[in-house]
Amino acid sequence: QVWRDRIDVAEFVRDNYQPYYGTADFLTGAS
């Protein structure tokens, strides 16, 4: 909610991002 009430991108990121611990196997080549 904090980032909705004021300009605060850092708070938006903290509230919503998900760390990734896996490998690079999901990556794809250029389209």
PDB file of all heavy atoms in Angstrom:
ATOM      1  N   GLN A   1       0.810  -1.217   0.000  1.00  0.00           N
ATOM      2  CA  GLN A   1       0.000   0.000   0.000  1.00  0.00           C
ATOM      3  C   GLN A   1       0.842   1.265   0.000  1.00  0.00           C
ATOM      4  O   GLN A   1       0.472   2.260  -0.623  1.00  0.00           O
ATOM      5  CB  GLN A   1      -0.912   0.012   1.233  1.00  0.00           C
ATOM      6  CG  GLN A   1      -1.886   1.174   1.273  1.00  0.00           C
ATOM      7  CD  GLN A   1      -2.841   1.198   0.088  1.00  0.00           C
ATOM      8  OE1 GLN A   1      -3.372   0.146  -0.314  1.00  0.00           O
ATOM      9  NE2 GLN A   1      -3.071   2.374  -0.492  1.00  0.00           N
ATOM     10  N   VAL A   2       2.007   1.239   0.662  1.00  0.00           N
ATOM     11  CA  VAL A   2       2.803   2.463   0.816  1.00  0.00           C
ATOM     12  C   VAL A   2       3.142   3.068  -0.536  1.00  0.00           C
ATOM     13  O   VAL A   2       3.009   4.278  -0.750  1.00  0.00           O
ATOM     14  CB  VAL A   2       4.082   2.166   1.627  1.00  0.00           C
ATOM     15  CG1 VAL A   2       5.026   3.359   1.593  1.00  0.00           C
ATOM     16  CG2 VAL A   2       3.724   1.816   3.064  1.00  0.00           C
ATOM     17  N   TRP A   3       3.581   2.242  -1.476  1.00  0.00           N
ATOM     18  CA  TRP A   3       3.989   2.734  -2.792  1.00  0.00           C
ATOM     19  C   TRP A   3       2.809   3.282  -3.584  1.00  0.00           C
ATOM     20  O   TRP A   3       3.006   4.052  -4.541  1.00  0.00           O
ATOM     21  CB  TRP A   3       4.712   1.653  -3.588  1.00  0.00           C
ATOM     22  CG  TRP A   3       3.892   0.413  -3.858  1.00  0.00           C
ATOM     23  CD1 TRP A   3       3.838  -0.714  -3.111  1.00  0.00           C
ATOM     24  CD2 TRP A   3       3.004   0.205  -4.963  1.00  0.00           C
ATOM     25  NE1 TRP A   3       2.977  -1.633  -3.664  1.00  0.00           N
ATOM     26  CE2 TRP A   3       2.455  -1.096  -4.812  1.00  0.00           C
ATOM     27  CE3 TRP A   3       2.622   0.960  -6.065  1.00  0.00           C
ATOM     28  CZ2 TRP A   3       1.544  -1.633  -5.720  1.00  0.00           C
ATOM     29  CZ3 TRP A   3       1.718   0.421  -6.971  1.00  0.00           C
ATOM     30  CH2 TRP A   3       1.184  -0.850  -6.800  1.00  0.00           C
ATOM     31  N   ARG A   4       1.587   2.871  -3.249  1.00  0.00           N
ATOM     32  CA  ARG A   4       0.400   3.412  -3.910  1.00  0.00           C
ATOM     33  C   ARG A   4       0.105   4.837  -3.427  1.00  0.00           C
ATOM     34  O   ARG A   4      -0.368   5.683  -4.197  1.00  0.00           O
ATOM     35  CB  ARG A   4      -0.825   2.526  -3.635  1.00  0.00           C
ATOM     36  CG  ARG A   4      -0.711   1.108  -4.168  1.00  0.00           C
ATOM     37  CD  ARG A   4      -1.871   0.255  -3.677  1.00  0.00           C
ATOM     38  NE  ARG A   4      -1.668  -1.153  -3.974  1.00  0.00           N
ATOM     39  CZ  ARG A   4      -2.210  -1.787  -5.014  1.00  0.00           C
ATOM     40  NH1 ARG A   4      -2.996  -1.141  -5.840  1.00  0.00           N
ATOM     41  NH2 ARG A   4      -1.976  -3.078  -5.209  1.00  0.00           N
ATOM     42  N   ASP A   5       0.394   5.105  -2.159  1.00  0.00           N
ATOM     43  CA  ASP A   5       0.062   6.395  -1.556  1.00  0.00           C
ATOM     44  C   ASP A   5       1.106   7.462  -1.845  1.00  0.00           C
ATOM     45  O   ASP A   5       0.794   8.664  -1.784  1.00  0.00           O
ATOM     46  CB  ASP A   5      -0.089   6.243  -0.044  1.00  0.00           C
ATOM     47  CG  ASP A   5      -1.226   5.293   0.331  1.00  0.00           C
ATOM     48  OD1 ASP A   5      -2.180   5.148  -0.478  1.00  0.00           O
ATOM     49  OD2 ASP A   5      -1.151   4.681   1.418  1.00  0.00           O
ATOM     50  N   ARG A   6       2.334   7.063  -2.106  1.00  0.00           N
ATOM     51  CA  ARG A   6       3.392   8.024  -2.398  1.00  0.00           C
ATOM     52  C   ARG A   6       4.298   7.440  -3.483  1.00  0.00           C
ATOM     53  O   ARG A   6       4.253   6.246  -3.765  1.00  0.00           O
ATOM     54  CB  ARG A   6       4.203   8.336  -1.137  1.00  0.00           C
ATOM     55  CG  ARG A   6       5.027   7.167  -0.633  1.00  0.00           C
ATOM     56  CD  ARG A   6       5.833   7.527   0.600  1.00  0.00           C
ATOM     57  NE  ARG A   6       6.744   6.448   0.979  1.00  0.00           N
ATOM     58  CZ  ARG A   6       6.982   6.077   2.234  1.00  0.00           C
ATOM     59  NH1 ARG A   6       6.364   6.689   3.239  1.00  0.00           N
ATOM     60  NH2 ARG A   6       7.842   5.102   2.500  1.00  0.00           N
ATOM     61  N   ILE A   7       5.131   8.293  -4.077  1.00  0.00           N
ATOM     62  CA  ILE A   7       6.071   7.827  -5.102  1.00  0.00           C
ATOM     63  C   ILE A   7       7.194   7.083  -4.392  1.00  0.00           C
ATOM     64  O   ILE A   7       8.051   7.687  -3.748  1.00  0.00           O
ATOM     65  CB  ILE A   7       6.634   9.006  -5.920  1.00  0.00           C
ATOM     66  CG1 ILE A   7       5.506   9.826  -6.528  1.00  0.00           C
ATOM     67  CG2 ILE A   7       7.584   8.497  -6.992  1.00  0.00           C
ATOM     68  CD1 ILE A   7       4.630   9.077  -7.497  1.00  0.00           C
ATOM     69  N   ASP A   8       7.187   5.758  -4.507  1.00  0.00           N
ATOM     70  CA  ASP A   8       8.157   4.943  -3.779  1.00  0.00           C
ATOM     71  C   ASP A   8       8.337   3.612  -4.513  1.00  0.00           C
ATOM     72  O   ASP A   8       7.745   2.598  -4.155  1.00  0.00           O
ATOM     73  CB  ASP A   8       7.697   4.712  -2.348  1.00  0.00           C
ATOM     74  CG  ASP A   8       8.812   4.190  -1.450  1.00  0.00           C
ATOM     75  OD1 ASP A   8       9.777   3.596  -1.985  1.00  0.00           O
ATOM     76  OD2 ASP A   8       8.720   4.366  -0.219  1.00  0.00           O
ATOM     77  N   VAL A   9       9.146   3.636  -5.561  1.00  0.00           N
ATOM     78  CA  VAL A   9       9.350   2.432  -6.364  1.00  0.00           C
ATOM     79  C   VAL A   9      10.074   1.366  -5.556  1.00  0.00           C
ATOM     80  O   VAL A   9       9.806   0.163  -5.710  1.00  0.00           O
ATOM     81  CB  VAL A   9      10.144   2.765  -7.646  1.00  0.00           C
ATOM     82  CG1 VAL A   9      10.299   1.520  -8.512  1.00  0.00           C
ATOM     83  CG2 VAL A   9       9.465   3.863  -8.434  1.00  0.00           C
ATOM     84  N   ALA A  10      10.990   1.770  -4.692  1.00  0.00           N
ATOM     85  CA  ALA A  10      11.738   0.798  -3.895  1.00  0.00           C
ATOM     86  C   ALA A  10      10.790  -0.054  -3.065  1.00  0.00           C
ATOM     87  O   ALA A  10      10.967  -1.278  -2.951  1.00  0.00           O
ATOM     88  CB  ALA A  10      12.746   1.509  -3.003  1.00  0.00           C
ATOM     89  N   GLU A  11       9.786   0.567  -2.475  1.00  0.00           N
ATOM     90  CA  GLU A  11       8.828  -0.177  -1.665  1.00  0.00           C
ATOM     91  C   GLU A  11       7.999  -1.117  -2.534  1.00  0.00           C
ATOM     92  O   GLU A  11       7.683  -2.248  -2.125  1.00  0.00           O
ATOM     93  CB  GLU A  11       7.925   0.796  -0.911  1.00  0.00           C
ATOM     94  CG  GLU A  11       7.191   0.183   0.264  1.00  0.00           C
ATOM     95  CD  GLU A  11       8.114  -0.279   1.375  1.00  0.00           C
ATOM     96  OE1 GLU A  11       9.205   0.319   1.542  1.00  0.00           O
ATOM     97  OE2 GLU A  11       7.774  -1.251   2.071  1.00  0.00           O
ATOM     98  N   PHE A  12       7.652  -0.671  -3.726  1.00  0.00           N
ATOM     99  CA  PHE A  12       6.932  -1.542  -4.667  1.00  0.00           C
ATOM    100  C   PHE A  12       7.744  -2.787  -4.982  1.00  0.00           C
ATOM    101  O   PHE A  12       7.227  -3.910  -4.983  1.00  0.00           O
ATOM    102  CB  PHE A  12       6.630  -0.772  -5.950  1.00  0.00           C
ATOM    103  CG  PHE A  12       6.198  -1.642  -7.103  1.00  0.00           C
ATOM    104  CD1 PHE A  12       4.918  -2.171  -7.153  1.00  0.00           C
ATOM    105  CD2 PHE A  12       7.084  -1.949  -8.134  1.00  0.00           C
ATOM    106  CE1 PHE A  12       4.519  -2.981  -8.212  1.00  0.00           C
ATOM    107  CE2 PHE A  12       6.709  -2.755  -9.185  1.00  0.00           C
ATOM    108  CZ  PHE A  12       5.418  -3.279  -9.229  1.00  0.00           C
ATOM    109  N   VAL A  13       9.032  -2.605  -5.233  1.00  0.00           N
ATOM    110  CA  VAL A  13       9.891  -3.749  -5.558  1.00  0.00           C
ATOM    111  C   VAL A  13       9.960  -4.702  -4.369  1.00  0.00           C
ATOM    112  O   VAL A  13       9.796  -5.924  -4.514  1.00  0.00           O
ATOM    113  CB  VAL A  13      11.294  -3.270  -5.984  1.00  0.00           C
ATOM    114  CG1 VAL A  13      12.253  -4.450  -6.102  1.00  0.00           C
ATOM    115  CG2 VAL A  13      11.216  -2.512  -7.311  1.00  0.00           C
ATOM    116  N   ARG A  14      10.196  -4.173  -3.186  1.00  0.00           N
ATOM    117  CA  ARG A  14      10.311  -5.031  -2.005  1.00  0.00           C
ATOM    118  C   ARG A  14       9.020  -5.829  -1.765  1.00  0.00           C
ATOM    119  O   ARG A  14       9.063  -6.986  -1.352  1.00  0.00           O
ATOM    120  CB  ARG A  14      10.639  -4.187  -0.772  1.00  0.00           C
ATOM    121  CG  ARG A  14      12.003  -3.521  -0.816  1.00  0.00           C
ATOM    122  CD  ARG A  14      12.315  -2.802   0.481  1.00  0.00           C
ATOM    123  NE  ARG A  14      13.502  -1.964   0.329  1.00  0.00           N
ATOM    124  CZ  ARG A  14      13.475  -0.633   0.251  1.00  0.00           C
ATOM    125  NH1 ARG A  14      12.316   0.017   0.343  1.00  0.00           N
ATOM    126  NH2 ARG A  14      14.583   0.051   0.093  1.00  0.00           N
ATOM    127  N   ASP A  15       7.898  -5.217  -2.034  1.00  0.00           N
ATOM    128  CA  ASP A  15       6.615  -5.874  -1.776  1.00  0.00           C
ATOM    129  C   ASP A  15       6.281  -6.954  -2.809  1.00  0.00           C
ATOM    130  O   ASP A  15       5.430  -7.812  -2.536  1.00  0.00           O
ATOM    131  CB  ASP A  15       5.482  -4.843  -1.775  1.00  0.00           C
ATOM    132  CG  ASP A  15       5.470  -3.976  -0.523  1.00  0.00           C
ATOM    133  OD1 ASP A  15       6.118  -4.362   0.470  1.00  0.00           O
ATOM    134  OD2 ASP A  15       4.822  -2.915  -0.551  1.00  0.00           O
ATOM    135  N   ASN A  16       6.927  -6.911  -3.989  1.00  0.00           N
ATOM    136  CA  ASN A  16       6.425  -7.737  -5.088  1.00  0.00           C
ATOM    137  C   ASN A  16       7.434  -8.634  -5.793  1.00  0.00           C
ATOM    138  O   ASN A  16       7.019  -9.566  -6.482  1.00  0.00           O
ATOM    139  CB  ASN A  16       5.771  -6.828  -6.139  1.00  0.00           C
ATOM    140  CG  ASN A  16       4.486  -6.211  -5.652  1.00  0.00           C
ATOM    141  OD1 ASN A  16       3.440  -6.850  -5.647  1.00  0.00           O
ATOM    142  ND2 ASN A  16       4.558  -4.947  -5.212  1.00  0.00           N
ATOM    143  N   TYR A  17       8.731  -8.394  -5.654  1.00  0.00           N
ATOM    144  CA  TYR A  17       9.653  -9.216  -6.440  1.00  0.00           C
ATOM    145  C   TYR A  17       9.863 -10.572  -5.772  1.00  0.00           C
ATOM    146  O   TYR A  17       9.686 -10.735  -4.559  1.00  0.00           O
ATOM    147  CB  TYR A  17      10.989  -8.491  -6.637  1.00  0.00           C
ATOM    148  CG  TYR A  17      12.020  -8.745  -5.551  1.00  0.00           C
ATOM    149  CD1 TYR A  17      13.040  -9.669  -5.747  1.00  0.00           C
ATOM    150  CD2 TYR A  17      11.978  -8.065  -4.332  1.00  0.00           C
ATOM    151  CE1 TYR A  17      13.988  -9.910  -4.757  1.00  0.00           C
ATOM    152  CE2 TYR A  17      12.910  -8.294  -3.339  1.00  0.00           C
ATOM    153  CZ  TYR A  17      13.918  -9.227  -3.557  1.00  0.00           C
ATOM    154  OH  TYR A  17      14.845  -9.477  -2.575  1.00  0.00           O
ATOM    155  N   GLN A  18      10.271 -11.542  -6.576  1.00  0.00           N
ATOM    156  CA  GLN A  18      10.561 -12.879  -6.074  1.00  0.00           C
ATOM    157  C   GLN A  18      12.000 -13.249  -6.424  1.00  0.00           C
ATOM    158  O   GLN A  18      12.358 -13.290  -7.603  1.00  0.00           O
ATOM    159  CB  GLN A  18       9.610 -13.914  -6.696  1.00  0.00           C
ATOM    160  CG  GLN A  18       8.171 -13.796  -6.221  1.00  0.00           C
ATOM    161  CD  GLN A  18       8.048 -14.023  -4.718  1.00  0.00           C
ATOM    162  OE1 GLN A  18       8.676 -14.923  -4.153  1.00  0.00           O
ATOM    163  NE2 GLN A  18       7.238 -13.188  -4.067  1.00  0.00           N
ATOM    164  N   PRO A  19      12.860 -13.490  -5.424  1.00  0.00           N
ATOM    165  CA  PRO A  19      14.241 -13.892  -5.724  1.00  0.00           C
ATOM    166  C   PRO A  19      14.263 -15.199  -6.517  1.00  0.00           C
ATOM    167  O   PRO A  19      13.369 -16.045  -6.375  1.00  0.00           O
ATOM    168  CB  PRO A  19      14.871 -14.085  -4.343  1.00  0.00           C
ATOM    169  CG  PRO A  19      13.975 -13.365  -3.387  1.00  0.00           C
ATOM    170  CD  PRO A  19      12.607 -13.429  -3.974  1.00  0.00           C
ATOM    171  N   TYR A  20      15.297 -15.344  -7.328  1.00  0.00           N
ATOM    172  CA  TYR A  20      15.448 -16.565  -8.122  1.00  0.00           C
ATOM    173  C   TYR A  20      16.769 -17.233  -7.746  1.00  0.00           C
ATOM    174  O   TYR A  20      17.828 -16.602  -7.799  1.00  0.00           O
ATOM    175  CB  TYR A  20      15.433 -16.242  -9.620  1.00  0.00           C
ATOM    176  CG  TYR A  20      15.590 -17.461 -10.501  1.00  0.00           C
ATOM    177  CD1 TYR A  20      14.596 -18.429 -10.553  1.00  0.00           C
ATOM    178  CD2 TYR A  20      16.745 -17.648 -11.261  1.00  0.00           C
ATOM    179  CE1 TYR A  20      14.731 -19.560 -11.359  1.00  0.00           C
ATOM    180  CE2 TYR A  20      16.884 -18.766 -12.068  1.00  0.00           C
ATOM    181  CZ  TYR A  20      15.881 -19.724 -12.110  1.00  0.00           C
ATOM    182  OH  TYR A  20      16.019 -20.843 -12.886  1.00  0.00           O
ATOM    183  N   TYR A  21      16.688 -18.510  -7.377  1.00  0.00           N
ATOM    184  CA  TYR A  21      17.868 -19.249  -6.932  1.00  0.00           C
ATOM    185  C   TYR A  21      18.285 -20.327  -7.939  1.00  0.00           C
ATOM    186  O   TYR A  21      19.289 -21.000  -7.739  1.00  0.00           O
ATOM    187  CB  TYR A  21      17.586 -19.924  -5.584  1.00  0.00           C
ATOM    188  CG  TYR A  21      17.293 -18.950  -4.464  1.00  0.00           C
ATOM    189  CD1 TYR A  21      15.985 -18.539  -4.200  1.00  0.00           C
ATOM    190  CD2 TYR A  21      18.319 -18.428  -3.683  1.00  0.00           C
ATOM    191  CE1 TYR A  21      15.708 -17.645  -3.174  1.00  0.00           C
ATOM    192  CE2 TYR A  21      18.049 -17.532  -2.655  1.00  0.00           C
ATOM    193  CZ  TYR A  21      16.747 -17.146  -2.404  1.00  0.00           C
ATOM    194  OH  TYR A  21      16.483 -16.260  -1.392  1.00  0.00           O
ATOM    195  N   GLY A  22      17.517 -20.484  -9.005  1.00  0.00           N
ATOM    196  CA  GLY A  22      17.738 -21.593  -9.925  1.00  0.00           C
ATOM    197  C   GLY A  22      18.853 -21.347 -10.923  1.00  0.00           C
ATOM    198  O   GLY A  22      19.613 -20.371 -10.834  1.00  0.00           O
ATOM    199  N   THR A  23      18.932 -22.212 -11.900  1.00  0.00           N
ATOM    200  CA  THR A  23      19.973 -22.163 -12.928  1.00  0.00           C
ATOM    201  C   THR A  23      19.494 -21.340 -14.120  1.00  0.00           C
ATOM    202  O   THR A  23      18.359 -20.845 -14.160  1.00  0.00           O
ATOM    203  CB  THR A  23      20.320 -23.576 -13.401  1.00  0.00           C
ATOM    204  OG1 THR A  23      19.201 -24.106 -14.134  1.00  0.00           O
ATOM    205  CG2 THR A  23      20.652 -24.484 -12.220  1.00  0.00           C
ATOM    206  N   ALA A  24      20.352 -21.266 -15.127  1.00  0.00           N
ATOM    207  CA  ALA A  24      20.039 -20.511 -16.343  1.00  0.00           C
ATOM    208  C   ALA A  24      19.341 -21.369 -17.389  1.00  0.00           C
ATOM    209  O   ALA A  24      19.152 -20.918 -18.527  1.00  0.00           O
ATOM    210  CB  ALA A  24      21.325 -19.924 -16.918  1.00  0.00           C
ATOM    211  N   ASP A  25      18.907 -22.559 -17.021  1.00  0.00           N
ATOM    212  CA  ASP A  25      18.343 -23.481 -18.008  1.00  0.00           C
ATOM    213  C   ASP A  25      17.062 -22.962 -18.648  1.00  0.00           C
ATOM    214  O   ASP A  25      16.683 -23.412 -19.732  1.00  0.00           O
ATOM    215  CB  ASP A  25      18.063 -24.845 -17.356  1.00  0.00           C
ATOM    216  CG  ASP A  25      19.339 -25.570 -16.965  1.00  0.00           C
ATOM    217  OD1 ASP A  25      20.418 -25.168 -17.462  1.00  0.00           O
ATOM    218  OD2 ASP A  25      19.269 -26.521 -16.162  1.00  0.00           O
ATOM    219  N   PHE A  26      16.364 -22.043 -18.006  1.00  0.00           N
ATOM    220  CA  PHE A  26      15.096 -21.548 -18.548  1.00  0.00           C
ATOM    221  C   PHE A  26      15.292 -20.584 -19.715  1.00  0.00           C
ATOM    222  O   PHE A  26      14.347 -20.275 -20.450  1.00  0.00           O
ATOM    223  CB  PHE A  26      14.296 -20.849 -17.443  1.00  0.00           C
ATOM    224  CG  PHE A  26      14.864 -19.519 -17.032  1.00  0.00           C
ATOM    225  CD1 PHE A  26      14.416 -18.339 -17.602  1.00  0.00           C
ATOM    226  CD2 PHE A  26      15.866 -19.440 -16.063  1.00  0.00           C
ATOM    227  CE1 PHE A  26      14.934 -17.110 -17.226  1.00  0.00           C
ATOM    228  CE2 PHE A  26      16.391 -18.226 -15.675  1.00  0.00           C
ATOM    229  CZ  PHE A  26      15.927 -17.056 -16.263  1.00  0.00           C
ATOM    230  N   LEU A  27      16.499 -20.048 -19.892  1.00  0.00           N
ATOM    231  CA  LEU A  27      16.739 -18.993 -20.879  1.00  0.00           C
ATOM    232  C   LEU A  27      16.554 -19.503 -22.309  1.00  0.00           C
ATOM    233  O   LEU A  27      16.753 -20.681 -22.606  1.00  0.00           O
ATOM    234  CB  LEU A  27      18.152 -18.428 -20.713  1.00  0.00           C
ATOM    235  CG  LEU A  27      18.403 -17.639 -19.423  1.00  0.00           C
ATOM    236  CD1 LEU A  27      19.883 -17.365 -19.241  1.00  0.00           C
ATOM    237  CD2 LEU A  27      17.610 -16.329 -19.424  1.00  0.00           C
ATOM    238  N   THR A  28      16.204 -18.572 -23.198  1.00  0.00           N
ATOM    239  CA  THR A  28      16.012 -18.904 -24.603  1.00  0.00           C
ATOM    240  C   THR A  28      16.937 -18.061 -25.464  1.00  0.00           C
ATOM    241  O   THR A  28      17.468 -17.036 -25.019  1.00  0.00           O
ATOM    242  CB  THR A  28      14.559 -18.641 -25.042  1.00  0.00           C
ATOM    243  OG1 THR A  28      14.304 -17.229 -25.013  1.00  0.00           O
ATOM    244  CG2 THR A  28      13.575 -19.367 -24.138  1.00  0.00           C
ATOM    245  N   GLY A  29      17.097 -18.469 -26.696  1.00  0.00           N
ATOM    246  CA  GLY A  29      17.862 -17.689 -27.653  1.00  0.00           C
ATOM    247  C   GLY A  29      17.047 -16.524 -28.193  1.00  0.00           C
ATOM    248  O   GLY A  29      15.911 -16.289 -27.778  1.00  0.00           O
ATOM    249  N   ALA A  30      17.639 -15.797 -29.120  1.00  0.00           N
ATOM    250  CA  ALA A  30      16.955 -14.654 -29.721  1.00  0.00           C
ATOM    251  C   ALA A  30      15.785 -15.127 -30.574  1.00  0.00           C
ATOM    252  O   ALA A  30      15.871 -16.140 -31.270  1.00  0.00           O
ATOM    253  CB  ALA A  30      17.925 -13.840 -30.557  1.00  0.00           C
ATOM    254  N   SER A  31      14.693 -14.377 -30.529  1.00  0.00           N
ATOM    255  CA  SER A  31      13.538 -14.694 -31.368  1.00  0.00           C
ATOM    256  C   SER A  31      13.849 -14.381 -32.826  1.00  0.00           C
ATOM    257  O   SER A  31      14.834 -13.708 -33.144  1.00  0.00           O
ATOM    258  CB  SER A  31      12.322 -13.879 -30.914  1.00  0.00           C
ATOM    259  OG  SER A  31      12.521 -12.492 -31.210  1.00  0.00           O
TER     260      SER A  31
END
